[in-house]
């Protein structure tokens, strides 16, 4: 029940997470008793031990894993003033955190015999500096705010590195499922339509509750009347049509699709005017593919040609499901096929052309396979190549982040950053480069770089779809093709959610495939 008219119920839950370890301290005593301490309530008692921060003292705390929320400070004595710094890395918490989209560095008052709760961001580390008189703090705990979701999907294999990457990708995605589907839990706490697509595919592969997909898509259509562009980026509206088709294919939610009919038809009619007489896309500004392609007109044009083709292919499918005339979408695809731009060495453009079905550019992905990768388009780069090299890319690229202390996947990453750099969960040794502060590019340089970005979840849906071999042949999964592609793994197993329950697949060899599915589903293998 609610006591408040017109209130908004928060669907998330809160949990208190104790300190895992003390990384650094000065001018303090007794702060070790905070490690593992579950006390969240102040009290008046001389016999209760506390951690003491003397004037000018400080302590750097590690909560063991990236989480979303803030902290609670339980004070036993006089009021005071402190500085709090949140960090996704040790260097961020101990340095000068970026303040974009959420406050990560603040001077605050601590109430006498009271509790201070502060923060709404993603972090793993917190530094507390005493700016006033001596403070006696009973405890400091993190306040984790997240959606308590059932993992209806899973992935296990003979390669523990891949298993850990699937779980880390799923956790990264879950931390970005807040009021809406965010791009980044620390920075970019916004609903970016293009960025949403790999996240939507991850949600469909991992979670039973898909309501946040509808909520986020509705938010974008409600705030973007046609002919406006979603997020003021013309190419991002293409991703809405693609995402709607993926959501409908996975859920069979015809009622929701019917609600989108007017917007869908209007979008397709508008974007059919963005095809030149020779079949080339001529989408107006602002146009955006991914950051590494920015400024490379040939790569962007090649990618946009594939993206527009993909949207019209999705649009044709949806119009048929709605019982509408699909000719506008079909004709647009035929026109776009008349112009297939060269991708050059752009893996982003090659991936989009391949996945969309416009052209097979898989050879581009296999040339110098560990360079030119981005976490955003990583999902499409995996889909656009054979399974064995894709698995090796996952191991080296996403696994490279884990090797340096990551517990969630990052906004961007480059394997070259690993040369002579430290870990994010330790102070950077002298003579080494700071993996967080010294790298990054474009709009995410240095500590502005987000280390928990939902668009980086690509290995999760790839492993569930490609390796388990799941393909929905009818909307909602009434008919599903199961053709596992282990890519050299000795065994794989996992579950994939459907509206009727999860489909389970286990593979222990070419002749040992076990499939279990709800009775309402027809399995073709």
Protein backbone atom coordinates (compact mmCIF):
# COMPACT_ATOMS: atom_id res chain seq x y z
CA UNK A 1 0.00 0.00 0.00
CA UNK A 2 0.98 3.63 -0.38
CA UNK A 3 0.20 6.53 1.93
CA UNK A 4 0.93 9.13 -0.72
CA UNK A 5 -1.34 10.13 -3.60
CA UNK A 6 0.33 10.20 -7.01
CA UNK A 7 3.51 8.63 -5.63
CA UNK A 8 5.96 6.56 -7.69
CA UNK A 9 6.90 3.19 -6.22
CA UNK A 10 10.56 2.25 -6.53
CA UNK A 11 10.84 -1.29 -7.90
CA UNK A 12 14.39 -1.68 -6.63
CA UNK A 13 15.60 -3.06 -3.31
CA UNK A 14 18.32 -1.95 -0.88
CA UNK A 15 20.99 -4.06 0.72
CA UNK A 16 23.78 -3.03 3.07
CA UNK A 17 27.23 -4.27 2.05
CA UNK A 18 30.03 -4.31 4.67
CA UNK A 19 33.57 -3.12 3.99
CA UNK A 20 35.72 -5.86 2.46
CA UNK A 21 39.18 -4.43 3.19
CA UNK A 22 41.03 -1.27 4.23
CA UNK A 23 43.34 -0.16 1.43
CA UNK A 24 44.95 2.87 3.08
CA UNK A 25 44.64 4.89 6.27
CA UNK A 26 46.27 7.78 8.07
CA UNK A 27 45.45 9.62 11.29
CA UNK A 28 43.06 6.86 12.30
CA UNK A 29 42.64 3.96 14.71
CA UNK A 30 40.23 1.06 15.00
CA UNK A 31 38.90 1.36 11.45
CA UNK A 32 39.70 -2.33 10.87
CA UNK A 33 36.60 -3.21 12.91
CA UNK A 34 34.48 -1.94 10.01
CA UNK A 35 35.58 -4.91 7.87
CA UNK A 36 32.65 -7.34 7.75
CA UNK A 37 30.72 -5.22 10.29
CA UNK A 38 26.95 -5.43 9.77
CA UNK A 39 25.88 -2.77 12.30
CA UNK A 40 23.78 -0.04 10.63
CA UNK A 41 22.23 1.67 13.69
CA UNK A 42 23.83 4.30 16.00
CA UNK A 43 23.61 3.84 19.76
CA UNK A 44 24.84 5.47 22.94
CA UNK A 45 27.27 3.19 24.76
CA UNK A 46 30.81 3.77 25.94
CA UNK A 47 31.68 0.09 25.50
CA UNK A 48 31.03 -0.11 21.76
CA UNK A 49 34.25 -0.04 19.69
CA UNK A 50 34.45 2.50 16.92
CA UNK A 51 36.80 3.60 14.20
CA UNK A 52 38.40 6.94 15.00
CA UNK A 53 39.36 9.52 12.38
CA UNK A 54 41.53 12.23 13.83
CA UNK A 55 41.53 15.75 12.33
CA UNK A 56 43.05 15.42 8.86
CA UNK A 57 42.78 11.63 9.01
CA UNK A 58 41.53 9.51 6.14
CA UNK A 59 40.65 5.95 5.18
CA UNK A 60 40.25 4.26 1.78
CA UNK A 61 37.69 1.46 1.74
CA UNK A 62 37.10 -1.43 -0.66
CA UNK A 63 33.63 -3.04 -0.84
CA UNK A 64 34.92 -5.95 -2.90
CA UNK A 65 32.86 -5.48 -6.06
CA UNK A 66 31.36 -2.69 -8.15
CA UNK A 67 27.88 -1.80 -6.95
CA UNK A 68 25.24 0.87 -7.49
CA UNK A 69 24.01 3.13 -4.70
CA UNK A 70 25.80 5.03 -1.96
CA UNK A 71 27.13 4.67 1.58
CA UNK A 72 25.80 4.93 5.13
CA UNK A 73 28.05 6.39 7.82
CA UNK A 74 27.02 5.60 11.40
CA UNK A 75 28.38 8.21 13.82
CA UNK A 76 28.81 7.55 17.56
CA UNK A 77 29.85 11.00 18.72
CA UNK A 78 29.94 14.68 17.91
CA UNK A 79 28.92 16.16 14.61
CA UNK A 80 31.63 16.80 12.07
CA UNK A 81 32.52 17.37 8.47
CA UNK A 82 33.95 14.88 6.01
CA UNK A 83 34.91 14.61 2.37
CA UNK A 84 33.62 11.54 0.50
CA UNK A 85 35.10 10.35 -2.80
CA UNK A 86 33.57 7.46 -4.74
CA UNK A 87 35.67 5.52 -7.20
CA UNK A 88 35.32 2.65 -9.64
CA UNK A 89 39.08 2.31 -9.27
CA UNK A 90 41.50 2.96 -6.42
CA UNK A 91 42.98 5.91 -8.29
CA UNK A 92 39.54 7.49 -8.79
CA UNK A 93 38.59 7.29 -5.10
CA UNK A 94 42.01 8.57 -4.02
CA UNK A 95 42.16 11.27 -6.68
CA UNK A 96 39.76 13.80 -8.19
CA UNK A 97 36.67 11.92 -9.42
CA UNK A 98 34.69 13.17 -12.35
CA UNK A 99 31.38 14.80 -11.37
CA UNK A 100 29.45 14.21 -14.60
CA UNK A 101 25.92 12.75 -14.19
CA UNK A 102 26.45 12.01 -10.47
CA UNK A 103 28.39 13.60 -7.62
CA UNK A 104 31.43 11.54 -6.70
CA UNK A 105 33.34 14.07 -4.57
CA UNK A 106 31.50 15.96 -1.82
CA UNK A 107 32.08 17.75 1.49
CA UNK A 108 29.31 16.80 3.91
CA UNK A 109 28.15 17.26 7.50
CA UNK A 110 27.91 14.18 9.72
CA UNK A 111 25.10 14.36 12.33
CA UNK A 112 25.81 13.79 16.01
CA UNK A 113 24.79 10.25 17.05
CA UNK A 114 23.17 9.86 13.66
CA UNK A 115 23.49 8.39 10.21
CA UNK A 116 24.55 10.03 6.97
CA UNK A 117 23.49 8.39 3.72
CA UNK A 118 24.91 9.78 0.53
CA UNK A 119 25.47 8.78 -3.07
CA UNK A 120 23.62 7.60 -6.15
CA UNK A 121 26.23 6.21 -8.48
CA UNK A 122 28.38 3.18 -9.26
CA UNK A 123 31.54 2.54 -7.26
CA UNK A 124 33.67 -0.03 -5.52
CA UNK A 125 36.00 2.19 -3.48
CA UNK A 126 35.31 5.10 -1.11
CA UNK A 127 37.78 7.46 0.53
CA UNK A 128 36.67 9.37 3.63
CA UNK A 129 38.68 12.39 4.82
CA UNK A 130 37.98 14.05 8.17
CA UNK A 131 37.71 17.83 7.61
CA UNK A 132 36.91 18.75 11.22
CA UNK A 133 37.26 17.52 14.79
CA UNK A 134 37.84 13.92 15.83
CA UNK A 135 35.12 11.54 14.64
CA UNK A 136 34.15 8.21 16.17
CA UNK A 137 32.38 6.17 13.54
CA UNK A 138 30.64 2.96 14.53
CA UNK A 139 30.57 1.70 10.95
CA UNK A 140 30.57 2.51 7.26
CA UNK A 141 28.56 0.32 4.88
CA UNK A 142 27.65 0.55 1.21
CA UNK A 143 23.97 0.88 0.36
CA UNK A 144 23.37 -1.19 -2.76
CA UNK A 145 20.33 -0.22 -4.82
CA UNK A 146 19.38 -2.70 -7.54
CA UNK A 147 16.60 -4.68 -9.17
CA UNK A 148 16.15 -8.10 -7.60
CA UNK A 149 15.78 -10.06 -10.83
CA UNK A 150 15.52 -13.77 -11.47
CA UNK A 151 18.29 -15.09 -13.68
CA UNK A 152 16.24 -17.26 -16.04
CA UNK A 153 19.24 -17.59 -18.34
CA UNK A 154 22.61 -19.14 -17.61
CA UNK A 155 25.80 -20.31 -19.27
CA UNK A 156 28.39 -22.86 -18.15
CA UNK A 157 31.16 -24.50 -20.11
CA UNK A 158 34.48 -26.29 -19.81
CA UNK A 159 36.16 -22.85 -19.97
CA UNK A 160 35.86 -21.15 -16.59
CA UNK A 161 37.10 -17.89 -18.07
CA UNK A 162 34.10 -17.75 -20.41
CA UNK A 163 31.77 -18.68 -17.54
CA UNK A 164 33.10 -15.80 -15.46
CA UNK A 165 32.77 -13.41 -18.39
CA UNK A 166 29.10 -14.37 -18.90
CA UNK A 167 28.35 -13.76 -15.21
CA UNK A 168 30.28 -10.47 -15.16
CA UNK A 169 28.44 -9.26 -18.27
CA UNK A 170 25.10 -10.15 -16.70
CA UNK A 171 26.04 -8.34 -13.48
CA UNK A 172 27.21 -5.30 -15.44
CA UNK A 173 23.86 -5.24 -17.20
CA UNK A 174 21.91 -5.62 -13.96
CA UNK A 175 23.67 -2.66 -12.34
CA UNK A 176 22.56 -0.54 -15.30
CA UNK A 177 18.92 -1.62 -14.93
CA UNK A 178 17.81 1.13 -12.57
CA UNK A 179 14.83 3.50 -13.04
CA UNK A 180 15.34 2.83 -16.73
CA UNK A 181 18.00 0.96 -18.68
CA UNK A 182 21.03 3.20 -18.23
CA UNK A 183 24.05 3.30 -20.47
CA UNK A 184 26.45 3.66 -17.54
CA UNK A 185 25.73 3.27 -13.84
CA UNK A 186 28.33 5.91 -12.88
CA UNK A 187 28.37 8.19 -15.92
CA UNK A 188 25.87 8.31 -18.77
CA UNK A 189 22.97 7.54 -16.45
CA UNK A 190 20.74 8.23 -19.44
CA UNK A 191 18.48 6.32 -21.81
CA UNK A 192 20.48 6.25 -25.05
CA UNK A 193 18.56 4.39 -27.75
CA UNK A 194 21.54 3.08 -29.71
CA UNK A 195 23.33 1.98 -26.57
CA UNK A 196 20.21 0.15 -25.42
CA UNK A 197 20.24 -2.48 -28.14
CA UNK A 198 23.02 -4.78 -26.84
CA UNK A 199 21.55 -4.32 -23.37
CA UNK A 200 18.10 -5.36 -24.58
CA UNK A 201 19.58 -8.47 -26.18
CA UNK A 202 21.32 -9.23 -22.89
CA UNK A 203 18.12 -8.79 -20.87
CA UNK A 204 16.25 -11.11 -23.23
CA UNK A 205 19.00 -13.73 -22.84
CA UNK A 206 19.26 -13.53 -19.07
CA UNK A 207 16.20 -12.31 -17.22
CA UNK A 208 12.57 -13.34 -16.98
CA UNK A 209 11.31 -9.81 -16.25
CA UNK A 210 11.53 -7.75 -19.43
CA UNK A 211 9.29 -4.86 -18.31
CA UNK A 212 12.18 -2.39 -18.17
CA UNK A 213 12.64 -2.81 -21.93
CA UNK A 214 9.09 -1.57 -22.53
CA UNK A 215 9.49 1.22 -19.99
CA UNK A 216 12.69 2.47 -21.61
CA UNK A 217 11.38 2.26 -25.18
CA UNK A 218 8.18 4.05 -24.12
CA UNK A 219 10.21 6.78 -22.47
CA UNK A 220 12.01 7.45 -25.74
CA UNK A 221 8.90 7.51 -27.95
CA UNK A 222 7.04 9.69 -25.44
CA UNK A 223 9.86 12.24 -25.41
CA UNK A 224 10.64 12.05 -29.15
CA UNK A 225 7.62 12.92 -31.32
CA UNK A 226 8.26 12.38 -35.00
CA UNK A 227 10.00 13.78 -36.97
CA UNK A 228 12.43 14.42 -34.08
CA UNK A 229 15.37 12.05 -33.59
CA UNK A 230 15.88 9.99 -30.46
CA UNK A 231 18.64 11.49 -28.31
CA UNK A 232 18.95 14.10 -31.11
CA UNK A 233 20.85 11.49 -33.16
CA UNK A 234 19.15 10.51 -36.42
CA UNK A 235 20.78 7.10 -36.59
CA UNK A 236 19.70 6.25 -33.03
CA UNK A 237 16.05 6.13 -34.07
CA UNK A 238 17.01 3.23 -36.36
CA UNK A 239 17.91 1.24 -33.26
CA UNK A 240 14.37 1.72 -31.89
CA UNK A 241 12.87 -0.23 -34.79
CA UNK A 242 15.52 -2.96 -34.49
CA UNK A 243 15.04 -3.20 -30.72
CA UNK A 244 11.25 -3.35 -31.05
CA UNK A 245 11.58 -6.28 -33.47
CA UNK A 246 13.97 -8.13 -31.14
CA UNK A 247 11.69 -7.57 -28.15
CA UNK A 248 8.62 -8.77 -30.06
CA UNK A 249 10.38 -11.83 -31.48
CA UNK A 250 11.48 -12.85 -27.97
CA UNK A 251 8.18 -12.19 -26.18
CA UNK A 252 5.40 -12.39 -28.75
CA UNK A 253 3.88 -9.35 -27.05
CA UNK A 254 1.44 -8.41 -29.82
CA UNK A 255 -0.51 -6.00 -27.62
CA UNK A 256 2.62 -3.93 -27.02
CA UNK A 257 3.52 -4.07 -30.72
CA UNK A 258 0.08 -2.75 -31.63
CA UNK A 259 0.63 0.21 -29.31
CA UNK A 260 3.72 1.12 -31.37
CA UNK A 261 2.00 0.84 -34.77
CA UNK A 262 1.54 4.54 -35.50
CA UNK A 263 5.07 5.46 -34.44
CA UNK A 264 6.58 2.55 -36.37
CA UNK A 265 4.79 3.40 -39.62
CA UNK A 266 5.70 7.07 -39.27
CA UNK A 267 9.35 6.23 -38.62
CA UNK A 268 9.62 3.94 -41.62
CA UNK A 269 7.95 6.47 -43.92
CA UNK A 270 10.26 9.23 -42.70
CA UNK A 271 13.45 7.18 -43.05
CA UNK A 272 12.49 5.95 -46.52
CA UNK A 273 13.20 9.54 -47.59
CA UNK A 274 16.78 9.14 -46.34
CA UNK A 275 17.75 6.94 -49.31
CA UNK A 276 19.25 8.66 -52.34
CA UNK A 277 18.37 7.80 -55.94
CA UNK A 278 21.43 5.53 -56.21
CA UNK A 279 20.44 3.63 -53.06
CA UNK A 280 22.96 5.32 -50.76
CA UNK A 281 21.86 6.29 -47.28
CA UNK A 282 21.63 10.04 -46.75
CA UNK A 283 20.56 10.18 -43.13
CA UNK A 284 20.76 13.82 -41.95
CA UNK A 285 22.93 15.01 -39.11
CA UNK A 286 23.46 14.28 -36.30
CA UNK A 287 24.77 10.85 -37.23
CA UNK A 288 26.65 8.48 -34.91
CA UNK A 289 27.88 4.91 -35.35
CA UNK A 290 30.37 4.40 -32.52
CA UNK A 291 33.16 6.53 -31.10
CA UNK A 292 36.10 4.83 -32.88
CA UNK A 293 34.35 5.50 -36.22
CA UNK A 294 33.75 9.18 -35.49
CA UNK A 295 35.25 11.42 -38.16
CA UNK A 296 35.82 8.53 -40.57
CA UNK A 297 33.19 9.33 -43.20
CA UNK A 298 33.73 6.16 -45.25
CA UNK A 299 33.40 3.89 -42.21
CA UNK A 300 30.36 5.74 -40.90
CA UNK A 301 28.63 5.71 -44.29
CA UNK A 302 29.27 1.98 -44.69
CA UNK A 303 27.92 1.33 -41.21
CA UNK A 304 24.86 3.53 -41.67
CA UNK A 305 24.01 1.75 -44.92
CA UNK A 306 23.89 -1.53 -43.00
CA UNK A 307 22.05 0.01 -40.05
CA UNK A 308 19.31 1.48 -42.24
CA UNK A 309 18.96 -1.83 -44.09
CA UNK A 310 18.66 -3.64 -40.72
CA UNK A 311 15.94 -1.25 -39.54
CA UNK A 312 13.86 -1.75 -42.70
CA UNK A 313 14.30 -5.51 -42.47
CA UNK A 314 13.00 -5.35 -38.89
CA UNK A 315 10.25 -2.98 -39.99
CA UNK A 316 9.05 -5.34 -42.74
CA UNK A 317 8.80 -8.17 -40.21
CA UNK A 318 6.82 -6.03 -37.76
CA UNK A 319 4.43 -4.66 -40.39
CA UNK A 320 3.60 -8.20 -41.49
CA UNK A 321 2.92 -9.18 -37.88
CA UNK A 322 0.59 -6.18 -37.56
CA UNK A 323 -1.23 -7.13 -40.75
CA UNK A 324 -0.07 -3.92 -42.46
CA UNK A 325 1.27 -3.35 -45.95
CA UNK A 326 5.06 -4.04 -45.76
CA UNK A 327 5.86 -2.67 -49.22
CA UNK A 328 7.50 0.56 -47.97
CA UNK A 329 10.01 -1.42 -45.90
CA UNK A 330 10.57 -4.04 -48.60
CA UNK A 331 11.16 -1.45 -51.32
CA UNK A 332 13.58 0.45 -49.07
CA UNK A 333 15.68 -2.70 -48.63
CA UNK A 334 15.79 -3.26 -52.40
CA UNK A 335 16.97 0.30 -52.94
CA UNK A 336 19.64 0.03 -50.26
CA UNK A 337 21.00 -3.18 -51.80
CA UNK A 338 21.91 -1.16 -54.89
CA UNK A 339 24.68 0.57 -52.96
CA UNK A 340 26.98 -1.46 -50.70
CA UNK A 341 29.88 0.74 -49.54
CA UNK A 342 33.32 -0.63 -48.81
CA UNK A 343 33.99 -0.95 -45.07
CA UNK A 344 37.75 -0.58 -45.35
CA UNK A 345 39.27 -1.83 -42.10
CA UNK A 346 36.39 -0.62 -39.93
CA UNK A 347 35.23 -3.53 -37.81
CA UNK A 348 32.18 -1.58 -36.65
CA UNK A 349 30.93 -1.02 -40.20
CA UNK A 350 31.83 -4.56 -41.22
CA UNK A 351 29.94 -6.00 -38.26
CA UNK A 352 26.77 -4.00 -38.98
CA UNK A 353 26.78 -4.86 -42.68
CA UNK A 354 27.25 -8.55 -41.85
CA UNK A 355 24.70 -8.81 -39.02
CA UNK A 356 22.12 -6.81 -40.95
CA UNK A 357 22.40 -9.16 -43.92
CA UNK A 358 23.45 -6.42 -46.33
CA UNK A 359 26.86 -7.97 -47.08
CA UNK A 360 29.23 -10.55 -45.63
CA UNK A 361 32.18 -8.62 -44.24
CA UNK A 362 33.38 -11.28 -41.79
CA UNK A 363 36.85 -11.24 -43.35
CA UNK A 364 37.36 -7.71 -41.97
CA UNK A 365 36.72 -9.00 -38.46
CA UNK A 366 39.25 -11.81 -38.85
CA UNK A 367 42.05 -9.49 -40.01
CA UNK A 368 44.18 -8.43 -37.01
CA UNK A 369 41.30 -9.71 -34.85
CA UNK A 370 42.21 -8.14 -31.52
CA UNK A 371 42.50 -4.54 -32.72
CA UNK A 372 39.80 -2.10 -33.67
CA UNK A 373 37.36 -3.58 -31.12
CA UNK A 374 34.92 -1.55 -29.05
CA UNK A 375 32.82 -2.68 -26.11
CA UNK A 376 29.72 -1.03 -27.66
CA UNK A 377 29.94 -2.78 -31.01
CA UNK A 378 31.66 -5.81 -29.53
CA UNK A 379 28.38 -7.75 -29.60
CA UNK A 380 27.99 -7.25 -33.34
CA UNK A 381 31.67 -7.98 -33.95
CA UNK A 382 31.18 -11.34 -32.21
CA UNK A 383 28.03 -12.13 -34.19
CA UNK A 384 29.76 -11.26 -37.48
CA UNK A 385 32.48 -13.92 -37.23
CA UNK A 386 32.76 -17.69 -36.73
CA UNK A 387 32.43 -19.05 -33.21
CA UNK A 388 36.01 -20.19 -32.53
CA UNK A 389 37.69 -16.82 -33.22
CA UNK A 390 34.80 -15.05 -31.46
CA UNK A 391 35.42 -17.09 -28.31
CA UNK A 392 39.12 -16.26 -28.43
CA UNK A 393 38.25 -12.56 -28.75
CA UNK A 394 36.02 -12.83 -25.67
CA UNK A 395 38.78 -14.54 -23.69
CA UNK A 396 41.43 -11.96 -24.55
CA UNK A 397 39.44 -8.71 -24.79
CA UNK A 398 36.80 -8.97 -22.06
CA UNK A 399 39.05 -11.30 -20.09
CA UNK A 400 41.77 -8.64 -20.20
CA UNK A 401 39.59 -6.38 -18.07
CA UNK A 402 39.05 -9.14 -15.51
CA UNK A 403 42.80 -9.77 -15.34
CA UNK A 404 43.30 -6.19 -14.13
CA UNK A 405 40.72 -6.25 -11.33
CA UNK A 406 37.44 -5.49 -13.12
CA UNK A 407 34.21 -6.79 -11.60
CA UNK A 408 32.11 -5.13 -14.32
CA UNK A 409 32.85 -4.36 -17.96
CA UNK A 410 33.94 -0.95 -19.17
CA UNK A 411 32.74 1.76 -21.50
CA UNK A 412 35.75 1.07 -23.70
CA UNK A 413 38.91 -0.96 -23.64
CA UNK A 414 42.02 -1.47 -25.74
CA UNK A 415 44.40 -4.37 -25.23
CA UNK A 416 47.31 -1.99 -25.81
CA UNK A 417 46.41 -0.30 -22.50
CA UNK A 418 47.67 -3.38 -20.66
CA UNK A 419 51.28 -2.67 -21.55
CA UNK A 420 53.13 -1.33 -18.48
CA UNK A 421 49.93 -0.47 -16.60
CA UNK A 422 48.68 -1.46 -13.16
CA UNK A 423 45.43 -2.82 -11.79
CA UNK A 424 42.29 -0.84 -11.01
CA UNK A 425 41.96 -2.44 -7.52
CA UNK A 426 45.41 -1.39 -6.32
CA UNK A 427 47.53 1.74 -6.17
CA UNK A 428 49.50 2.07 -9.39
CA UNK A 429 53.15 1.15 -8.75
CA UNK A 430 55.84 3.68 -9.56
CA UNK A 431 56.91 3.48 -13.18
CA UNK A 432 53.61 2.02 -14.38
CA UNK A 433 50.71 3.79 -16.06
CA UNK A 434 47.36 4.20 -14.31
CA UNK A 435 44.89 1.96 -16.18
CA UNK A 436 41.98 4.26 -15.33
CA UNK A 437 43.41 7.78 -15.19
CA UNK A 438 45.91 7.55 -18.05
CA UNK A 439 43.72 6.04 -20.76
CA UNK A 440 40.37 6.47 -22.49
CA UNK A 441 39.46 8.52 -25.56
CA UNK A 442 36.86 10.78 -27.13
CA UNK A 443 34.40 11.83 -24.39
CA UNK A 444 35.60 9.26 -21.84
CA UNK A 445 39.16 10.28 -21.10
CA UNK A 446 40.80 9.53 -17.77
CA UNK A 447 38.62 9.22 -14.69
CA UNK A 448 35.53 10.22 -16.67
CA UNK A 449 35.75 6.75 -18.22
CA UNK A 450 32.93 4.54 -16.95
CA UNK A 451 33.97 1.11 -15.69
CA UNK A 452 30.41 -0.24 -15.60
CA UNK A 453 28.74 0.24 -18.97
CA UNK A 454 25.73 -1.79 -20.05
CA UNK A 455 26.63 -1.75 -23.73
CA UNK A 456 29.68 -3.89 -22.87
CA UNK A 457 27.50 -6.93 -22.02
CA UNK A 458 27.82 -8.39 -25.55
CA UNK A 459 29.49 -11.73 -24.62
CA UNK A 460 26.44 -12.65 -22.55
CA UNK A 461 23.81 -12.75 -25.35
CA UNK A 462 26.43 -14.05 -27.80
CA UNK A 463 27.31 -17.06 -25.65
CA UNK A 464 23.65 -17.77 -24.94
CA UNK A 465 22.48 -17.41 -28.53
CA UNK A 466 25.41 -18.63 -30.65
CA UNK A 467 27.10 -21.23 -28.44
CA UNK A 468 23.90 -22.68 -26.96
CA UNK A 469 22.41 -22.39 -30.44
CA UNK A 470 19.11 -20.74 -29.52
CA UNK A 471 17.06 -19.14 -32.31
CA UNK A 472 13.38 -18.19 -32.05
CA UNK A 473 11.60 -19.18 -35.26
CA UNK A 474 8.24 -17.76 -34.18
CA UNK A 475 7.51 -14.71 -32.00
CA UNK A 476 7.44 -15.61 -28.33
CA UNK A 477 9.38 -18.82 -28.82
CA UNK A 478 6.52 -21.14 -29.74
CA UNK A 479 8.98 -22.73 -32.17
CA UNK A 480 12.70 -22.63 -31.35
CA UNK A 481 15.66 -23.96 -33.27
CA UNK A 482 18.41 -25.38 -31.05
CA UNK A 483 21.68 -25.97 -32.91
CA UNK A 484 24.59 -25.57 -30.47
CA UNK A 485 27.94 -24.34 -31.76
CA UNK A 486 30.45 -25.09 -28.96
CA UNK A 487 33.40 -23.64 -30.86
CA UNK A 488 35.81 -26.28 -29.59
CA UNK A 489 34.57 -26.31 -25.98
CA UNK A 490 34.47 -29.77 -24.39
CA UNK A 491 31.03 -29.11 -22.98
CA UNK A 492 28.52 -26.31 -22.70
CA UNK A 493 25.22 -26.00 -20.89
CA UNK A 494 22.79 -23.28 -20.08
CA UNK A 495 19.26 -21.96 -20.00
CA UNK A 496 17.49 -19.43 -22.20
CA UNK A 497 14.28 -17.70 -21.07
CA UNK A 498 11.00 -17.78 -22.99
CA UNK A 499 7.48 -16.64 -22.04
CA UNK A 500 6.70 -20.32 -21.33
CA UNK A 501 9.72 -21.03 -19.15
CA UNK A 502 13.40 -21.60 -19.78
CA UNK A 503 14.83 -23.90 -22.43
CA UNK A 504 17.80 -25.92 -21.17
CA UNK A 505 20.63 -27.13 -23.40
CA UNK A 506 23.56 -29.37 -22.50
CA UNK A 507 26.27 -30.43 -24.95
CA UNK A 508 29.01 -32.95 -24.11
CA UNK A 509 30.00 -33.84 -27.65
CA UNK A 510 28.58 -33.89 -31.19
CA UNK A 511 26.30 -36.83 -30.37
CA UNK A 512 25.48 -35.91 -26.79
CA UNK A 513 23.02 -33.02 -26.86
CA UNK A 514 20.28 -32.83 -24.27
CA UNK A 515 17.43 -30.34 -24.65
CA UNK A 516 14.65 -29.72 -22.14
CA UNK A 517 11.81 -27.32 -22.89
CA UNK A 518 8.31 -26.49 -21.64
CA UNK A 519 5.59 -28.53 -23.35
CA UNK A 520 4.19 -25.43 -25.09
CA UNK A 521 7.40 -25.05 -27.13
CA UNK A 522 8.23 -26.96 -30.30
CA UNK A 523 11.97 -27.61 -30.56
CA UNK A 524 13.67 -28.08 -33.92
CA UNK A 525 17.22 -29.38 -33.74
